[in-house]
Amino acid sequence: MQYITDAFSSDLMRRALFGGLLAATIAALVGTWVVIRGLAFFGDALAHGVLPGIALAVLWGMNVTLGAAVSALVMVGGVNVIHRTTRLSDDTGIGLLFIGMLAAGVVIISSNDTHAGDLTGLLFGDVLGVSTGDLRLGVIALAITVIVLAIGHRSFLALSLDRDKAAALGLRPGIAHVAMLALLALAVVACFRVVGTLLVFGFLVAPPATAILVVRGVERIMVAAVGFAWVSVIVGLTISYHAGTAASATVAAFSVGLFFAVLAVAEAVSFVRRRRLHPAA
């Protein structure tokens, strides 16, 4: 325990811990639906799609969170426009916008070297630089996330099972789909200051995917996902403090590593059970 308490003895690390836990909770809750509904590709695209808005905000001296939010809205709106006006699949539209937004962000960054350091921090995260404003945004985003998920739970669940049945039940799957994309955008915007745009995707997917390995039922998966995300933040920051590694990347790497560790244990348990049921096999 002293190994952990030493890591969080300073105000800087305690602030990083609070910011990390906020981001982890938001990402785990929204990420549960991302994994269940198969929206991982869109989550990845959106995490990269905010790059041009962030880059422009930094270069123009504007609020980077606002820039990320505008870029995320453009991404969500573009996907819906392509879905409604063409015969292309959602994956095609997402792929086009993914490449386009990422390319635009790289072009903007490459055109000005003055703010390269700031942009690097936004790309890869700076959990140790979490500000009071970032924490305030995280609390607001978490409150909105919890409220929307509670209100739209039945619609989200029905949409995940069968869109046509959801429409027949009057649950408005179209609105539910847009609401889910909006929540995903909110999660990306709220988390990128902590773990960076390139690492936020790991936070969205790894904890829920780990939870699905050990529990069943959406509510239980959400609770377990938040638990795994919190463990990743606490252990990741502790390792980063003692080993001197990049904090945000260490947290994200531990989160993904935890998935494979749980998967290995689950497979080992499953193998033992099969051997007991069929000893001759």
C-alpha atoms as a PDB file:
ATOM      1  CA  MET A   1       0.000   0.000   0.000  1.00  0.00           C
ATOM      2  CA  GLN A   2       2.865   2.381   0.734  1.00  0.00           C
ATOM      3  CA  TYR A   3       4.024   1.904  -2.862  1.00  0.00           C
ATOM      4  CA  ILE A   4       0.668   3.353  -3.958  1.00  0.00           C
ATOM      5  CA  THR A   5       0.294   6.031  -1.281  1.00  0.00           C
ATOM      6  CA  ASP A   6       3.779   7.391  -2.018  1.00  0.00           C
ATOM      7  CA  ALA A   7       2.759   7.926  -5.645  1.00  0.00           C
ATOM      8  CA  PHE A   8      -0.180  10.123  -4.627  1.00  0.00           C
ATOM      9  CA  SER A   9       1.452  12.078  -1.839  1.00  0.00           C
ATOM     10  CA  SER A  10       1.608  15.305  -3.865  1.00  0.00           C
ATOM     11  CA  ASP A  11      -1.243  17.590  -4.914  1.00  0.00           C
ATOM     12  CA  LEU A  12      -0.193  17.182  -8.556  1.00  0.00           C
ATOM     13  CA  MET A  13      -0.630  13.404  -8.467  1.00  0.00           C
ATOM     14  CA  ARG A  14      -3.873  13.597  -6.520  1.00  0.00           C
ATOM     15  CA  ARG A  15      -5.278  16.004  -9.109  1.00  0.00           C
ATOM     16  CA  ALA A  16      -4.115  13.644 -11.854  1.00  0.00           C
ATOM     17  CA  LEU A  17      -5.806  10.759 -10.037  1.00  0.00           C
ATOM     18  CA  PHE A  18      -9.112  12.620  -9.760  1.00  0.00           C
ATOM     19  CA  GLY A  19      -8.989  13.685 -13.402  1.00  0.00           C
ATOM     20  CA  GLY A  20      -8.078  10.178 -14.499  1.00  0.00           C
ATOM     21  CA  LEU A  21     -10.904   8.611 -12.510  1.00  0.00           C
ATOM     22  CA  LEU A  22     -13.415  11.065 -13.982  1.00  0.00           C
ATOM     23  CA  ALA A  23     -12.243  10.343 -17.527  1.00  0.00           C
ATOM     24  CA  ALA A  24     -12.178   6.608 -16.841  1.00  0.00           C
ATOM     25  CA  THR A  25     -15.740   6.608 -15.521  1.00  0.00           C
ATOM     26  CA  ILE A  26     -17.142   8.541 -18.483  1.00  0.00           C
ATOM     27  CA  ALA A  27     -15.261   6.441 -21.014  1.00  0.00           C
ATOM     28  CA  ALA A  28     -16.217   3.144 -19.357  1.00  0.00           C
ATOM     29  CA  LEU A  29     -19.930   3.987 -19.196  1.00  0.00           C
ATOM     30  CA  VAL A  30     -20.148   5.181 -22.793  1.00  0.00           C
ATOM     31  CA  GLY A  31     -17.652   2.575 -23.953  1.00  0.00           C
ATOM     32  CA  THR A  32     -19.936  -0.212 -22.743  1.00  0.00           C
ATOM     33  CA  TRP A  33     -22.446   0.723 -25.445  1.00  0.00           C
ATOM     34  CA  VAL A  34     -19.629   1.298 -27.942  1.00  0.00           C
ATOM     35  CA  VAL A  35     -18.522  -2.327 -27.494  1.00  0.00           C
ATOM     36  CA  ILE A  36     -22.034  -3.804 -27.314  1.00  0.00           C
ATOM     37  CA  ARG A  37     -23.232  -1.961 -30.425  1.00  0.00           C
ATOM     38  CA  GLY A  38     -20.056  -2.545 -32.408  1.00  0.00           C
ATOM     39  CA  LEU A  39     -19.196   1.164 -32.634  1.00  0.00           C
ATOM     40  CA  ALA A  40     -15.501   0.657 -31.931  1.00  0.00           C
ATOM     41  CA  PHE A  41     -14.473   1.813 -35.402  1.00  0.00           C
ATOM     42  CA  PHE A  42     -16.513   4.988 -35.042  1.00  0.00           C
ATOM     43  CA  GLY A  43     -15.038   5.571 -31.600  1.00  0.00           C
ATOM     44  CA  ASP A  44     -11.541   5.277 -33.032  1.00  0.00           C
ATOM     45  CA  ALA A  45     -12.424   7.564 -35.940  1.00  0.00           C
ATOM     46  CA  LEU A  46     -13.969  10.147 -33.636  1.00  0.00           C
ATOM     47  CA  ALA A  47     -10.982  10.095 -31.294  1.00  0.00           C
ATOM     48  CA  HIS A  48      -8.799  11.020 -34.288  1.00  0.00           C
ATOM     49  CA  GLY A  49     -11.441  13.211 -35.938  1.00  0.00           C
ATOM     50  CA  VAL A  50     -11.212  15.904 -33.254  1.00  0.00           C
ATOM     51  CA  LEU A  51      -7.597  16.581 -34.258  1.00  0.00           C
ATOM     52  CA  PRO A  52      -8.231  19.401 -36.803  1.00  0.00           C
ATOM     53  CA  GLY A  53     -10.461  21.295 -34.360  1.00  0.00           C
ATOM     54  CA  ILE A  54      -7.841  20.990 -31.631  1.00  0.00           C
ATOM     55  CA  ALA A  55      -5.037  22.033 -33.978  1.00  0.00           C
ATOM     56  CA  LEU A  56      -6.918  25.122 -35.188  1.00  0.00           C
ATOM     57  CA  ALA A  57      -7.847  26.086 -31.632  1.00  0.00           C
ATOM     58  CA  VAL A  58      -4.202  25.917 -30.531  1.00  0.00           C
ATOM     59  CA  LEU A  59      -2.955  27.866 -33.545  1.00  0.00           C
ATOM     60  CA  TRP A  60      -5.644  30.546 -33.163  1.00  0.00           C
ATOM     61  CA  GLY A  61      -5.284  30.809 -29.404  1.00  0.00           C
ATOM     62  CA  MET A  62      -8.812  29.561 -28.737  1.00  0.00           C
ATOM     63  CA  ASN A  63     -10.174  27.067 -26.213  1.00  0.00           C
ATOM     64  CA  VAL A  64      -9.046  23.597 -27.322  1.00  0.00           C
ATOM     65  CA  THR A  65     -12.058  21.910 -25.738  1.00  0.00           C
ATOM     66  CA  LEU A  66     -14.343  24.062 -27.859  1.00  0.00           C
ATOM     67  CA  GLY A  67     -12.297  23.202 -30.938  1.00  0.00           C
ATOM     68  CA  ALA A  68     -12.537  19.501 -30.156  1.00  0.00           C
ATOM     69  CA  ALA A  69     -16.291  19.782 -29.589  1.00  0.00           C
ATOM     70  CA  VAL A  70     -16.874  21.522 -32.927  1.00  0.00           C
ATOM     71  CA  SER A  71     -14.734  18.948 -34.722  1.00  0.00           C
ATOM     72  CA  ALA A  72     -16.613  16.100 -33.031  1.00  0.00           C
ATOM     73  CA  LEU A  73     -19.979  17.590 -34.045  1.00  0.00           C
ATOM     74  CA  VAL A  74     -18.771  17.878 -37.636  1.00  0.00           C
ATOM     75  CA  MET A  75     -17.747  14.230 -37.542  1.00  0.00           C
ATOM     76  CA  VAL A  76     -21.073  13.031 -36.095  1.00  0.00           C
ATOM     77  CA  GLY A  77     -23.064  15.232 -38.480  1.00  0.00           C
ATOM     78  CA  GLY A  78     -21.043  14.045 -41.468  1.00  0.00           C
ATOM     79  CA  VAL A  79     -21.644  10.387 -40.654  1.00  0.00           C
ATOM     80  CA  ASN A  80     -25.384  10.972 -40.388  1.00  0.00           C
ATOM     81  CA  VAL A  81     -25.500  12.963 -43.647  1.00  0.00           C
ATOM     82  CA  ILE A  82     -23.689  10.199 -45.551  1.00  0.00           C
ATOM     83  CA  HIS A  83     -25.973   7.587 -43.975  1.00  0.00           C
ATOM     84  CA  ARG A  84     -29.142   9.459 -44.949  1.00  0.00           C
ATOM     85  CA  THR A  85     -28.204  10.697 -48.418  1.00  0.00           C
ATOM     86  CA  THR A  86     -26.206   7.830 -49.944  1.00  0.00           C
ATOM     87  CA  ARG A  87     -26.312   4.065 -50.267  1.00  0.00           C
ATOM     88  CA  LEU A  88     -22.928   3.757 -48.635  1.00  0.00           C
ATOM     89  CA  SER A  89     -22.587   1.762 -45.424  1.00  0.00           C
ATOM     90  CA  ASP A  90     -21.866   3.536 -42.154  1.00  0.00           C
ATOM     91  CA  ASP A  91     -18.360   2.043 -42.121  1.00  0.00           C
ATOM     92  CA  THR A  92     -17.597   3.641 -45.484  1.00  0.00           C
ATOM     93  CA  GLY A  93     -18.772   7.056 -44.336  1.00  0.00           C
ATOM     94  CA  ILE A  94     -16.855   6.759 -41.089  1.00  0.00           C
ATOM     95  CA  GLY A  95     -13.721   5.672 -42.951  1.00  0.00           C
ATOM     96  CA  LEU A  96     -13.915   8.620 -45.344  1.00  0.00           C
ATOM     97  CA  LEU A  97     -14.374  11.146 -42.560  1.00  0.00           C
ATOM     98  CA  PHE A  98     -11.733   9.428 -40.438  1.00  0.00           C
ATOM     99  CA  ILE A  99      -9.064   9.794 -43.114  1.00  0.00           C
ATOM    100  CA  GLY A 100     -10.223  13.272 -44.136  1.00  0.00           C
ATOM    101  CA  MET A 101     -10.274  14.702 -40.608  1.00  0.00           C
ATOM    102  CA  LEU A 102      -7.000  13.042 -39.621  1.00  0.00           C
ATOM    103  CA  ALA A 103      -5.288  14.288 -42.792  1.00  0.00           C
ATOM    104  CA  ALA A 104      -6.608  17.810 -42.223  1.00  0.00           C
ATOM    105  CA  GLY A 105      -5.288  17.767 -38.666  1.00  0.00           C
ATOM    106  CA  VAL A 106      -1.822  16.617 -39.775  1.00  0.00           C
ATOM    107  CA  VAL A 107      -1.714  19.295 -42.488  1.00  0.00           C
ATOM    108  CA  ILE A 108      -2.643  22.008 -39.989  1.00  0.00           C
ATOM    109  CA  ILE A 109      -0.044  20.797 -37.478  1.00  0.00           C
ATOM    110  CA  SER A 110       2.701  20.519 -40.099  1.00  0.00           C
ATOM    111  CA  SER A 111       2.066  24.075 -41.276  1.00  0.00           C
ATOM    112  CA  ASN A 112       3.218  25.562 -37.984  1.00  0.00           C
ATOM    113  CA  ASP A 113       6.009  24.234 -35.752  1.00  0.00           C
ATOM    114  CA  THR A 114       5.551  26.864 -33.040  1.00  0.00           C
ATOM    115  CA  HIS A 115       2.893  24.929 -31.123  1.00  0.00           C
ATOM    116  CA  ALA A 116       4.246  21.435 -31.825  1.00  0.00           C
ATOM    117  CA  GLY A 117       4.834  20.794 -28.119  1.00  0.00           C
ATOM    118  CA  ASP A 118       1.287  21.797 -27.173  1.00  0.00           C
ATOM    119  CA  LEU A 119      -0.194  19.619 -29.886  1.00  0.00           C
ATOM    120  CA  THR A 120       1.952  16.648 -28.857  1.00  0.00           C
ATOM    121  CA  GLY A 121       0.542  16.921 -25.350  1.00  0.00           C
ATOM    122  CA  LEU A 122      -2.997  16.990 -26.719  1.00  0.00           C
ATOM    123  CA  LEU A 123      -2.319  14.004 -28.958  1.00  0.00           C
ATOM    124  CA  PHE A 124      -0.800  11.810 -26.271  1.00  0.00           C
ATOM    125  CA  GLY A 125      -2.366  13.332 -23.181  1.00  0.00           C
ATOM    126  CA  ASP A 126      -1.006  14.998 -20.074  1.00  0.00           C
ATOM    127  CA  VAL A 127      -2.788  13.595 -17.045  1.00  0.00           C
ATOM    128  CA  LEU A 128      -0.265  15.362 -14.798  1.00  0.00           C
ATOM    129  CA  GLY A 129      -1.317  18.703 -16.280  1.00  0.00           C
ATOM    130  CA  VAL A 130      -5.028  18.395 -15.486  1.00  0.00           C
ATOM    131  CA  SER A 131      -6.418  21.818 -14.569  1.00  0.00           C
ATOM    132  CA  THR A 132      -9.365  22.868 -12.439  1.00  0.00           C
ATOM    133  CA  GLY A 133     -11.258  23.655 -15.638  1.00  0.00           C
ATOM    134  CA  ASP A 134     -10.606  20.143 -16.936  1.00  0.00           C
ATOM    135  CA  LEU A 135     -11.931  18.662 -13.693  1.00  0.00           C
ATOM    136  CA  ARG A 136     -15.012  20.871 -13.860  1.00  0.00           C
ATOM    137  CA  LEU A 137     -15.650  19.782 -17.442  1.00  0.00           C
ATOM    138  CA  GLY A 138     -15.233  16.150 -16.386  1.00  0.00           C
ATOM    139  CA  VAL A 139     -17.795  16.470 -13.603  1.00  0.00           C
ATOM    140  CA  ILE A 140     -20.312  18.127 -15.947  1.00  0.00           C
ATOM    141  CA  ALA A 141     -19.698  15.542 -18.669  1.00  0.00           C
ATOM    142  CA  LEU A 142     -20.121  12.696 -16.176  1.00  0.00           C
ATOM    143  CA  ALA A 143     -23.414  14.124 -14.918  1.00  0.00           C
ATOM    144  CA  ILE A 144     -24.748  14.494 -18.478  1.00  0.00           C
ATOM    145  CA  THR A 145     -23.582  10.986 -19.345  1.00  0.00           C
ATOM    146  CA  VAL A 146     -25.292   9.385 -16.356  1.00  0.00           C
ATOM    147  CA  ILE A 147     -28.556  11.281 -16.968  1.00  0.00           C
ATOM    148  CA  VAL A 148     -28.716  10.451 -20.689  1.00  0.00           C
ATOM    149  CA  LEU A 149     -27.814   6.800 -20.112  1.00  0.00           C
ATOM    150  CA  ALA A 150     -30.474   6.483 -17.419  1.00  0.00           C
ATOM    151  CA  ILE A 151     -33.194   8.130 -19.518  1.00  0.00           C
ATOM    152  CA  GLY A 152     -32.284   6.325 -22.739  1.00  0.00           C
ATOM    153  CA  HIS A 153     -31.442   2.915 -21.294  1.00  0.00           C
ATOM    154  CA  ARG A 154     -34.459   1.088 -22.758  1.00  0.00           C
ATOM    155  CA  SER A 155     -34.020   2.736 -26.150  1.00  0.00           C
ATOM    156  CA  PHE A 156     -30.299   1.981 -26.261  1.00  0.00           C
ATOM    157  CA  LEU A 157     -30.900  -1.636 -25.255  1.00  0.00           C
ATOM    158  CA  ALA A 158     -33.669  -2.145 -27.815  1.00  0.00           C
ATOM    159  CA  LEU A 159     -31.553  -0.500 -30.523  1.00  0.00           C
ATOM    160  CA  SER A 160     -28.681  -2.875 -29.738  1.00  0.00           C
ATOM    161  CA  LEU A 161     -30.950  -5.912 -30.095  1.00  0.00           C
ATOM    162  CA  ASP A 162     -33.127  -5.033 -33.091  1.00  0.00           C
ATOM    163  CA  ARG A 163     -33.619  -1.617 -34.691  1.00  0.00           C
ATOM    164  CA  ASP A 164     -36.920  -2.590 -36.327  1.00  0.00           C
ATOM    165  CA  LYS A 165     -38.401  -3.910 -33.086  1.00  0.00           C
ATOM    166  CA  ALA A 166     -37.233  -0.785 -31.305  1.00  0.00           C
ATOM    167  CA  ALA A 167     -39.131   1.298 -33.863  1.00  0.00           C
ATOM    168  CA  ALA A 168     -42.212  -0.922 -33.503  1.00  0.00           C
ATOM    169  CA  LEU A 169     -42.140  -0.362 -29.747  1.00  0.00           C
ATOM    170  CA  GLY A 170     -42.057   3.404 -30.264  1.00  0.00           C
ATOM    171  CA  LEU A 171     -38.555   3.777 -28.797  1.00  0.00           C
ATOM    172  CA  ARG A 172     -37.331   6.008 -31.661  1.00  0.00           C
ATOM    173  CA  PRO A 173     -34.113   4.203 -32.630  1.00  0.00           C
ATOM    174  CA  GLY A 174     -33.016   7.072 -34.879  1.00  0.00           C
ATOM    175  CA  ILE A 175     -32.982   9.508 -31.971  1.00  0.00           C
ATOM    176  CA  ALA A 176     -31.371   6.898 -29.740  1.00  0.00           C
ATOM    177  CA  HIS A 177     -28.603   6.364 -32.316  1.00  0.00           C
ATOM    178  CA  VAL A 178     -27.878  10.096 -32.574  1.00  0.00           C
ATOM    179  CA  ALA A 179     -27.928  10.395 -28.781  1.00  0.00           C
ATOM    180  CA  MET A 180     -25.412   7.578 -28.510  1.00  0.00           C
ATOM    181  CA  LEU A 181     -23.098   9.208 -31.057  1.00  0.00           C
ATOM    182  CA  ALA A 182     -23.431  12.503 -29.179  1.00  0.00           C
ATOM    183  CA  LEU A 183     -22.501  10.778 -25.911  1.00  0.00           C
ATOM    184  CA  LEU A 184     -19.499   9.228 -27.617  1.00  0.00           C
ATOM    185  CA  ALA A 185     -18.444  12.667 -28.860  1.00  0.00           C
ATOM    186  CA  LEU A 186     -18.876  14.070 -25.340  1.00  0.00           C
ATOM    187  CA  ALA A 187     -16.734  11.274 -23.898  1.00  0.00           C
ATOM    188  CA  VAL A 188     -13.937  11.950 -26.397  1.00  0.00           C
ATOM    189  CA  VAL A 189     -14.021  15.705 -25.760  1.00  0.00           C
ATOM    190  CA  ALA A 190     -14.084  15.239 -21.981  1.00  0.00           C
ATOM    191  CA  CYS A 191     -11.258  12.680 -21.938  1.00  0.00           C
ATOM    192  CA  PHE A 192      -8.752  13.893 -24.514  1.00  0.00           C
ATOM    193  CA  ARG A 193      -7.170  16.444 -22.151  1.00  0.00           C
ATOM    194  CA  VAL A 194      -6.332  13.592 -19.773  1.00  0.00           C
ATOM    195  CA  VAL A 195      -5.267  10.701 -22.017  1.00  0.00           C
ATOM    196  CA  GLY A 196      -4.939  12.449 -25.393  1.00  0.00           C
ATOM    197  CA  THR A 197      -6.798  11.941 -28.645  1.00  0.00           C
ATOM    198  CA  LEU A 198      -4.622   8.987 -29.675  1.00  0.00           C
ATOM    199  CA  LEU A 199      -5.102   7.103 -26.403  1.00  0.00           C
ATOM    200  CA  VAL A 200      -8.728   7.890 -25.511  1.00  0.00           C
ATOM    201  CA  PHE A 201      -9.897   5.032 -27.735  1.00  0.00           C
ATOM    202  CA  GLY A 202      -8.163   2.548 -25.453  1.00  0.00           C
ATOM    203  CA  PHE A 203     -10.090   3.937 -22.491  1.00  0.00           C
ATOM    204  CA  LEU A 204     -13.365   3.623 -24.397  1.00  0.00           C
ATOM    205  CA  VAL A 205     -12.874   0.009 -25.440  1.00  0.00           C
ATOM    206  CA  ALA A 206     -10.489  -1.841 -23.112  1.00  0.00           C
ATOM    207  CA  PRO A 207     -12.370  -1.630 -19.752  1.00  0.00           C
ATOM    208  CA  PRO A 208     -15.804  -2.592 -21.202  1.00  0.00           C
ATOM    209  CA  ALA A 209     -14.227  -5.381 -23.271  1.00  0.00           C
ATOM    210  CA  THR A 210     -12.544  -6.679 -20.120  1.00  0.00           C
ATOM    211  CA  ALA A 211     -15.833  -6.501 -18.205  1.00  0.00           C
ATOM    212  CA  ILE A 212     -17.656  -8.521 -20.874  1.00  0.00           C
ATOM    213  CA  LEU A 213     -15.201 -11.361 -20.265  1.00  0.00           C
ATOM    214  CA  VAL A 214     -16.311 -11.790 -16.644  1.00  0.00           C
ATOM    215  CA  VAL A 215     -19.939 -10.596 -16.269  1.00  0.00           C
ATOM    216  CA  ARG A 216     -23.240 -10.570 -18.156  1.00  0.00           C
ATOM    217  CA  GLY A 217     -25.942  -7.911 -18.364  1.00  0.00           C
ATOM    218  CA  VAL A 218     -25.478  -4.286 -19.415  1.00  0.00           C
ATOM    219  CA  GLU A 219     -25.702  -2.843 -15.900  1.00  0.00           C
ATOM    220  CA  ARG A 220     -23.153  -5.303 -14.513  1.00  0.00           C
ATOM    221  CA  ILE A 221     -20.851  -4.736 -17.458  1.00  0.00           C
ATOM    222  CA  MET A 222     -20.957  -0.974 -16.814  1.00  0.00           C
ATOM    223  CA  VAL A 223     -20.119  -1.397 -13.137  1.00  0.00           C
ATOM    224  CA  ALA A 224     -17.306  -3.852 -13.875  1.00  0.00           C
ATOM    225  CA  ALA A 225     -15.984  -1.628 -16.689  1.00  0.00           C
ATOM    226  CA  VAL A 226     -15.775   1.349 -14.339  1.00  0.00           C
ATOM    227  CA  GLY A 227     -13.975  -0.860 -11.817  1.00  0.00           C
ATOM    228  CA  PHE A 228     -11.419  -2.054 -14.354  1.00  0.00           C
ATOM    229  CA  ALA A 229     -10.953   1.526 -15.583  1.00  0.00           C
ATOM    230  CA  TRP A 230     -10.308   2.775 -12.057  1.00  0.00           C
ATOM    231  CA  VAL A 231      -7.781   0.005 -11.440  1.00  0.00           C
ATOM    232  CA  SER A 232      -6.030   0.996 -14.663  1.00  0.00           C
ATOM    233  CA  VAL A 233      -5.815   4.645 -13.605  1.00  0.00           C
ATOM    234  CA  ILE A 234      -4.570   3.917 -10.081  1.00  0.00           C
ATOM    235  CA  VAL A 235      -2.043   1.235 -11.056  1.00  0.00           C
ATOM    236  CA  GLY A 236      -1.002   3.019 -14.249  1.00  0.00           C
ATOM    237  CA  LEU A 237      -0.275   6.304 -12.452  1.00  0.00           C
ATOM    238  CA  THR A 238       1.554   4.442  -9.692  1.00  0.00           C
ATOM    239  CA  ILE A 239       3.776   2.632 -12.201  1.00  0.00           C
ATOM    240  CA  SER A 240       4.359   5.874 -14.082  1.00  0.00           C
ATOM    241  CA  TYR A 241       5.396   7.687 -10.899  1.00  0.00           C
ATOM    242  CA  HIS A 242       7.940   5.080  -9.791  1.00  0.00           C
ATOM    243  CA  ALA A 243       9.212   4.093 -13.255  1.00  0.00           C
ATOM    244  CA  GLY A 244       9.322   7.600 -14.713  1.00  0.00           C
ATOM    245  CA  THR A 245       7.253   6.674 -17.770  1.00  0.00           C
ATOM    246  CA  ALA A 246       4.667   8.788 -19.636  1.00  0.00           C
ATOM    247  CA  ALA A 247       1.627   8.839 -17.353  1.00  0.00           C
ATOM    248  CA  SER A 248      -1.232   8.797 -19.879  1.00  0.00           C
ATOM    249  CA  ALA A 249       0.393   6.161 -22.078  1.00  0.00           C
ATOM    250  CA  THR A 250       1.165   3.977 -19.058  1.00  0.00           C
ATOM    251  CA  VAL A 251      -2.476   4.106 -17.939  1.00  0.00           C
ATOM    252  CA  ALA A 252      -3.737   3.239 -21.416  1.00  0.00           C
ATOM    253  CA  ALA A 253      -1.173   0.455 -21.847  1.00  0.00           C
ATOM    254  CA  PHE A 254      -2.074  -1.080 -18.489  1.00  0.00           C
ATOM    255  CA  SER A 255      -5.773  -0.945 -19.409  1.00  0.00           C
ATOM    256  CA  VAL A 256      -5.150  -2.929 -22.586  1.00  0.00           C
ATOM    257  CA  GLY A 257      -2.746  -5.267 -20.811  1.00  0.00           C
ATOM    258  CA  LEU A 258      -5.380  -5.931 -18.149  1.00  0.00           C
ATOM    259  CA  PHE A 259      -7.769  -7.096 -20.866  1.00  0.00           C
ATOM    260  CA  PHE A 260      -5.301  -9.708 -22.107  1.00  0.00           C
ATOM    261  CA  ALA A 261      -4.482 -10.794 -18.556  1.00  0.00           C
ATOM    262  CA  VAL A 262      -8.171 -11.341 -17.746  1.00  0.00           C
ATOM    263  CA  LEU A 263      -8.648 -13.071 -21.100  1.00  0.00           C
ATOM    264  CA  ALA A 264      -5.790 -15.467 -20.318  1.00  0.00           C
ATOM    265  CA  VAL A 265      -7.258 -16.264 -16.893  1.00  0.00           C
ATOM    266  CA  ALA A 266     -10.746 -16.734 -18.362  1.00  0.00           C
ATOM    267  CA  GLU A 267      -9.412 -19.113 -21.010  1.00  0.00           C
ATOM    268  CA  ALA A 268      -7.455 -21.064 -18.393  1.00  0.00           C
ATOM    269  CA  VAL A 269     -10.551 -21.415 -16.185  1.00  0.00           C
ATOM    270  CA  SER A 270     -12.618 -22.463 -19.195  1.00  0.00           C
ATOM    271  CA  PHE A 271     -10.001 -25.080 -20.141  1.00  0.00           C
ATOM    272  CA  VAL A 272      -9.985 -26.541 -16.609  1.00  0.00           C
ATOM    273  CA  ARG A 273     -13.779 -26.749 -16.599  1.00  0.00           C
ATOM    274  CA  ARG A 274     -13.808 -28.519 -19.968  1.00  0.00           C
ATOM    275  CA  ARG A 275     -11.228 -31.017 -18.711  1.00  0.00           C
ATOM    276  CA  ARG A 276     -13.324 -31.756 -15.653  1.00  0.00           C
ATOM    277  CA  LEU A 277     -16.485 -32.285 -17.719  1.00  0.00           C
ATOM    278  CA  HIS A 278     -14.718 -34.314 -20.404  1.00  0.00           C
ATOM    279  CA  PRO A 279     -11.605 -35.815 -18.817  1.00  0.00           C
ATOM    280  CA  ALA A 280     -11.042 -38.194 -21.721  1.00  0.00           C
ATOM    281  CA  ALA A 281     -11.177 -35.452 -24.363  1.00  0.00           C
END
